[in-house]
């Protein structure tokens, strides 16, 4: 992300962002870490949705499989 894009996202001037980077490195660092965390959280949410879909798919496939019955008449995977 360019500084111009970042400034736009934060609704601040690019000069302000550059000033923070130079004069307030802790503020700039926390800002950048926060933005990275925001991105990682979004990715985790997407991965969680994909994993849930995979689990549902696996359950559907599992329900379609007919396993042989054991000596008690219970279907069991081999």
C-alpha atoms as a PDB file:
ATOM      1  CA  UNK A   1       0.000   0.000   0.000  1.00  0.00           C
ATOM      2  CA  UNK A   2       1.425   3.375  -0.963  1.00  0.00           C
ATOM      3  CA  UNK A   3       1.634   6.210   1.516  1.00  0.00           C
ATOM      4  CA  UNK A   4      -0.996   8.031  -0.510  1.00  0.00           C
ATOM      5  CA  UNK A   5      -3.376   5.046  -0.269  1.00  0.00           C
ATOM      6  CA  UNK A   6      -2.642   4.639   3.424  1.00  0.00           C
ATOM      7  CA  UNK A   7      -3.250   8.317   4.117  1.00  0.00           C
ATOM      8  CA  UNK A   8      -6.519   8.117   2.195  1.00  0.00           C
ATOM      9  CA  UNK A   9      -7.608   5.079   4.168  1.00  0.00           C
ATOM     10  CA  UNK A  10      -6.869   6.912   7.416  1.00  0.00           C
ATOM     11  CA  UNK A  11      -8.429  10.152   6.139  1.00  0.00           C
ATOM     12  CA  UNK A  12      -5.248  12.110   6.809  1.00  0.00           C
ATOM     13  CA  UNK A  13      -2.810  14.068   4.683  1.00  0.00           C
ATOM     14  CA  UNK A  14       0.228  12.267   3.251  1.00  0.00           C
ATOM     15  CA  UNK A  15       2.413  14.920   4.911  1.00  0.00           C
ATOM     16  CA  UNK A  16       0.918  13.979   8.272  1.00  0.00           C
ATOM     17  CA  UNK A  17       1.754  10.334   7.709  1.00  0.00           C
ATOM     18  CA  UNK A  18       5.326  11.206   6.717  1.00  0.00           C
ATOM     19  CA  UNK A  19       5.643  13.485   9.746  1.00  0.00           C
ATOM     20  CA  UNK A  20       4.453  10.686  12.049  1.00  0.00           C
ATOM     21  CA  UNK A  21       6.974   8.327  10.502  1.00  0.00           C
ATOM     22  CA  UNK A  22       9.795  10.827  11.078  1.00  0.00           C
ATOM     23  CA  UNK A  23       8.777  12.534  14.346  1.00  0.00           C
ATOM     24  CA  UNK A  24       6.506   9.938  15.979  1.00  0.00           C
ATOM     25  CA  UNK A  25       8.025   6.571  15.068  1.00  0.00           C
ATOM     26  CA  UNK A  26       6.131   4.767  17.846  1.00  0.00           C
ATOM     27  CA  UNK A  27       2.806   6.074  16.544  1.00  0.00           C
ATOM     28  CA  UNK A  28       3.756   5.112  12.996  1.00  0.00           C
ATOM     29  CA  UNK A  29       4.922   1.663  14.136  1.00  0.00           C
ATOM     30  CA  UNK A  30       1.686   1.009  16.037  1.00  0.00           C
ATOM     31  CA  UNK A  31      -0.333   2.200  13.069  1.00  0.00           C
ATOM     32  CA  UNK A  32       1.488  -0.140  10.695  1.00  0.00           C
ATOM     33  CA  UNK A  33       1.202  -3.087  13.090  1.00  0.00           C
ATOM     34  CA  UNK A  34      -2.507  -2.376  13.525  1.00  0.00           C
ATOM     35  CA  UNK A  35      -3.072  -2.309   9.778  1.00  0.00           C
ATOM     36  CA  UNK A  36      -1.184  -5.584   9.353  1.00  0.00           C
ATOM     37  CA  UNK A  37      -3.218  -7.142  12.170  1.00  0.00           C
ATOM     38  CA  UNK A  38      -6.426  -5.947  10.503  1.00  0.00           C
ATOM     39  CA  UNK A  39      -5.348  -7.627   7.275  1.00  0.00           C
ATOM     40  CA  UNK A  40      -4.395 -10.843   9.057  1.00  0.00           C
ATOM     41  CA  UNK A  41      -7.741 -10.945  10.892  1.00  0.00           C
ATOM     42  CA  UNK A  42      -9.582 -10.590   7.578  1.00  0.00           C
ATOM     43  CA  UNK A  43      -7.509 -13.449   6.150  1.00  0.00           C
ATOM     44  CA  UNK A  44      -8.209 -15.611   9.206  1.00  0.00           C
ATOM     45  CA  UNK A  45     -11.942 -15.000   8.849  1.00  0.00           C
ATOM     46  CA  UNK A  46     -11.814 -16.000   5.190  1.00  0.00           C
ATOM     47  CA  UNK A  47      -9.818 -19.124   6.043  1.00  0.00           C
ATOM     48  CA  UNK A  48     -12.322 -19.995   8.784  1.00  0.00           C
ATOM     49  CA  UNK A  49     -15.192 -19.711   6.281  1.00  0.00           C
ATOM     50  CA  UNK A  50     -13.330 -21.931   3.814  1.00  0.00           C
ATOM     51  CA  UNK A  51     -12.587 -24.464   6.553  1.00  0.00           C
ATOM     52  CA  UNK A  52     -16.242 -24.542   7.581  1.00  0.00           C
ATOM     53  CA  UNK A  53     -17.214 -25.227   3.967  1.00  0.00           C
ATOM     54  CA  UNK A  54     -14.669 -28.040   3.818  1.00  0.00           C
ATOM     55  CA  UNK A  55     -16.027 -29.549   7.034  1.00  0.00           C
ATOM     56  CA  UNK A  56     -19.571 -29.419   5.684  1.00  0.00           C
ATOM     57  CA  UNK A  57     -18.406 -31.022   2.437  1.00  0.00           C
ATOM     58  CA  UNK A  58     -16.593 -33.776   4.322  1.00  0.00           C
ATOM     59  CA  UNK A  59     -19.686 -34.436   6.456  1.00  0.00           C
ATOM     60  CA  UNK A  60     -21.859 -34.649   3.337  1.00  0.00           C
ATOM     61  CA  UNK A  61     -19.472 -37.079   1.673  1.00  0.00           C
ATOM     62  CA  UNK A  62     -19.223 -39.120   4.878  1.00  0.00           C
ATOM     63  CA  UNK A  63     -23.016 -39.377   5.051  1.00  0.00           C
ATOM     64  CA  UNK A  64     -23.095 -40.750   1.499  1.00  0.00           C
ATOM     65  CA  UNK A  65     -20.678 -43.583   2.237  1.00  0.00           C
ATOM     66  CA  UNK A  66     -22.079 -46.918   3.309  1.00  0.00           C
ATOM     67  CA  UNK A  67     -19.637 -48.700   5.564  1.00  0.00           C
ATOM     68  CA  UNK A  68     -19.723 -52.459   6.127  1.00  0.00           C
ATOM     69  CA  UNK A  69     -21.499 -53.552   9.304  1.00  0.00           C
ATOM     70  CA  UNK A  70     -19.569 -55.032  12.183  1.00  0.00           C
ATOM     71  CA  UNK A  71     -20.647 -58.130  14.131  1.00  0.00           C
ATOM     72  CA  UNK A  72     -23.157 -56.005  16.098  1.00  0.00           C
ATOM     73  CA  UNK A  73     -24.746 -54.658  12.918  1.00  0.00           C
ATOM     74  CA  UNK A  74     -23.189 -51.186  13.278  1.00  0.00           C
ATOM     75  CA  UNK A  75     -21.751 -49.456  10.217  1.00  0.00           C
ATOM     76  CA  UNK A  76     -18.055 -48.803  10.828  1.00  0.00           C
ATOM     77  CA  UNK A  77     -15.313 -47.342   8.677  1.00  0.00           C
ATOM     78  CA  UNK A  78     -12.626 -49.825   7.728  1.00  0.00           C
END
